[in-house]
Amino acid sequence: VAAFDKYPYLVVAIVAVAILCVVGFYFYAKKQKAKVEEAEKAQAA
């Protein structure tokens, strides 16, 4: 991992951003799924 020796902060920043993206997408998908389920319930009722 030569890049880590030269740019440790850059590597840490990239990893942090990647994790944030995954976590953000996970919560976004969960929220969208809840919205869809609520809409389906409203239509069924």
N, C-alpha and C. Protein backbone atom coordinates (compact mmCIF):
# COMPACT_ATOMS: atom_id res chain seq x y z
N VAL A 1 0.86 -1.20 0.00
CA VAL A 1 0.00 0.00 0.00
C VAL A 1 0.89 1.23 0.00
N ALA A 2 1.49 1.53 -1.14
CA ALA A 2 2.41 2.67 -1.26
C ALA A 2 1.67 3.99 -1.10
N ALA A 3 0.45 4.04 -1.59
CA ALA A 3 -0.32 5.28 -1.53
C ALA A 3 -0.59 5.69 -0.08
N PHE A 4 -0.76 4.71 0.78
CA PHE A 4 -1.05 5.02 2.17
C PHE A 4 0.14 5.69 2.85
N ASP A 5 1.35 5.26 2.48
CA ASP A 5 2.57 5.87 3.07
C ASP A 5 2.69 7.33 2.65
N LYS A 6 2.33 7.62 1.39
CA LYS A 6 2.47 8.98 0.88
C LYS A 6 1.32 9.88 1.31
N TYR A 7 0.11 9.36 1.21
CA TYR A 7 -1.08 10.18 1.49
C TYR A 7 -2.01 9.51 2.50
N PRO A 8 -1.57 9.38 3.75
CA PRO A 8 -2.45 8.67 4.71
C PRO A 8 -3.80 9.36 4.90
N TYR A 9 -3.80 10.71 4.94
CA TYR A 9 -5.06 11.42 5.18
C TYR A 9 -6.01 11.27 3.99
N LEU A 10 -5.44 11.24 2.79
CA LEU A 10 -6.26 11.08 1.59
C LEU A 10 -6.96 9.73 1.61
N VAL A 11 -6.20 8.68 1.98
CA VAL A 11 -6.78 7.34 2.03
C VAL A 11 -7.88 7.27 3.09
N VAL A 12 -7.61 7.86 4.25
CA VAL A 12 -8.61 7.86 5.33
C VAL A 12 -9.85 8.62 4.88
N ALA A 13 -9.65 9.75 4.20
CA ALA A 13 -10.78 10.55 3.74
C ALA A 13 -11.63 9.76 2.72
N ILE A 14 -10.97 9.08 1.80
CA ILE A 14 -11.69 8.31 0.79
C ILE A 14 -12.51 7.20 1.44
N VAL A 15 -11.90 6.51 2.41
CA VAL A 15 -12.60 5.43 3.11
C VAL A 15 -13.80 5.99 3.87
N ALA A 16 -13.59 7.14 4.54
CA ALA A 16 -14.68 7.76 5.31
C ALA A 16 -15.83 8.15 4.40
N VAL A 17 -15.52 8.73 3.25
CA VAL A 17 -16.56 9.14 2.31
C VAL A 17 -17.30 7.91 1.78
N ALA A 18 -16.57 6.85 1.49
CA ALA A 18 -17.20 5.63 1.00
C ALA A 18 -18.18 5.07 2.03
N ILE A 19 -17.75 5.06 3.30
CA ILE A 19 -18.62 4.55 4.37
C ILE A 19 -19.85 5.43 4.51
N LEU A 20 -19.65 6.75 4.45
CA LEU A 20 -20.79 7.67 4.56
C LEU A 20 -21.78 7.44 3.42
N CYS A 21 -21.27 7.21 2.23
CA CYS A 21 -22.14 6.98 1.08
C CYS A 21 -22.97 5.72 1.28
N VAL A 22 -22.32 4.66 1.77
CA VAL A 22 -23.02 3.39 1.98
C VAL A 22 -24.09 3.55 3.05
N VAL A 23 -23.72 4.20 4.16
CA VAL A 23 -24.67 4.39 5.26
C VAL A 23 -25.83 5.29 4.81
N GLY A 24 -25.50 6.37 4.10
CA GLY A 24 -26.53 7.28 3.62
C GLY A 24 -27.49 6.59 2.66
N PHE A 25 -26.93 5.78 1.77
CA PHE A 25 -27.77 5.07 0.80
C PHE A 25 -28.66 4.06 1.51
N TYR A 26 -28.10 3.40 2.54
CA TYR A 26 -28.86 2.40 3.29
C TYR A 26 -30.09 3.04 3.94
N PHE A 27 -29.88 4.19 4.61
CA PHE A 27 -31.01 4.85 5.27
C PHE A 27 -31.99 5.42 4.26
N TYR A 28 -31.47 5.92 3.13
CA TYR A 28 -32.34 6.45 2.08
C TYR A 28 -33.23 5.34 1.53
N ALA A 29 -32.64 4.18 1.28
CA ALA A 29 -33.40 3.06 0.74
C ALA A 29 -34.45 2.60 1.73
N LYS A 30 -34.08 2.57 3.01
CA LYS A 30 -35.03 2.18 4.06
C LYS A 30 -36.23 3.13 4.08
N LYS A 31 -35.93 4.45 3.98
CA LYS A 31 -36.97 5.48 4.01
C LYS A 31 -37.89 5.33 2.80
N GLN A 32 -37.29 5.11 1.62
CA GLN A 32 -38.09 4.96 0.40
C GLN A 32 -38.99 3.72 0.51
N LYS A 33 -38.44 2.64 1.07
CA LYS A 33 -39.20 1.41 1.20
C LYS A 33 -40.40 1.64 2.11
N ALA A 34 -40.20 2.37 3.20
CA ALA A 34 -41.29 2.67 4.13
C ALA A 34 -42.36 3.50 3.44
N LYS A 35 -41.93 4.46 2.61
CA LYS A 35 -42.88 5.30 1.87
C LYS A 35 -43.73 4.46 0.93
N VAL A 36 -43.08 3.55 0.21
CA VAL A 36 -43.79 2.70 -0.75
C VAL A 36 -44.79 1.82 -0.03
N GLU A 37 -44.36 1.25 1.12
CA GLU A 37 -45.26 0.38 1.88
C GLU A 37 -46.46 1.17 2.40
N GLU A 38 -46.24 2.40 2.83
CA GLU A 38 -47.35 3.23 3.32
C GLU A 38 -48.32 3.54 2.19
N ALA A 39 -47.77 3.84 1.01
CA ALA A 39 -48.62 4.15 -0.14
C ALA A 39 -49.46 2.93 -0.52
N GLU A 40 -48.87 1.74 -0.47
CA GLU A 40 -49.60 0.52 -0.79
C GLU A 40 -50.72 0.28 0.23
N LYS A 41 -50.42 0.54 1.50
CA LYS A 41 -51.43 0.37 2.55
C LYS A 41 -52.60 1.33 2.31
N ALA A 42 -52.26 2.58 1.94
CA ALA A 42 -53.30 3.58 1.71
C ALA A 42 -54.19 3.18 0.53
N GLN A 43 -53.59 2.59 -0.50
CA GLN A 43 -54.37 2.17 -1.66
C GLN A 43 -55.26 0.97 -1.31
N ALA A 44 -54.73 0.07 -0.49
CA ALA A 44 -55.48 -1.14 -0.14
C ALA A 44 -56.66 -0.80 0.76
N ALA A 45 -56.49 0.19 1.62
CA ALA A 45 -57.55 0.54 2.58
C ALA A 45 -58.75 1.15 1.88
